[in-house]
Amino acid sequence: MKAIPAATIHRMDRPHPCDVCFQSRFCLPIALPPDELDRMRDIMQSTMRITKGERLFETGQPMDKVFSVHAGSFKSVVSSPDGRQQIVGFHVPGEMMGLEGFSTRVYMTDVVALEDSEACEIDVRVLEGTARELPTLQHQIHCLIGNRLARAQQDQFVLGSMQADERLARFLLDLSERYKARGLSPDEFVLRMSREEIGSYLGLKLETVSRLMSRFHQAGLVHVAQRQVRITNRDGLSELLVANER
């Protein structure tokens, strides 16, 4: 199995990244009062550039930082004792990475760049120290961790109970909603992950993902051109989920 290279960190001299990042309203806890929001902004240390295929952090590594996706996208990967790997999540701009390690103080997954990407880093000790002084921030962090755990439980439900077509429909709709929440197009986007990576995440074989993509295309649910996807019948995709519940 080909090893994934660790990230070569390129720190960039530029204005504070939060000042020029339209995603900051998603990764910063906007419920904070203005003065506390400034404190939170100040602990965003720097932005680092990660080349496609490089690892941002790895399983078992001491967790000293959490990260926010500034640009690009990442995948979270877990490995079994016999070396098998499974993707357990994808991360788009504005989403936090590394939160799962708060209880164990080590990272729980490998996080790898799906494309040339950028991530903002936050020192965990500084974050925790600031959170002790700002109860609202502490509450926001607990909410982020709780939401991440809830999402993991939802993903387990998908793998355990949904049919293959439901899994892919839910994946596309979920990705669409995440882009929409970030002010990006919910109907047309590029899949930065390969069909094989989608299959790993959904517990499906590569051939199954490819076959379902073609079926969705032929049914007029989506238009697929390589990795470019346009949702053409959102109600039809949603109906797949509802129909299989009847």
Foldseek 3Di string as FASTA:
>chain_A
DDDQAAFDWDWDDDPQLCVVALLVPQQQPPVDDPVLSVVVSVQQDTKTKGAARHWDFAFPAFDFKKKFWRAAKKWWWDADPVGDIFTADMHHHNAIPQLVCPVVRTGHTIIGTLHTTMMTIGGPVSQVVSCVVPVVSVVVSVVSSVVVVVVSVVLVCQLPPPDPLLLVLVVLQVVLVVQVVSVHHSFKDFDSDALCNSCRNRVHHSVSSVVSVVVCCVVQQWPDDHRIIGGRNNVVSVVVNVVVVD
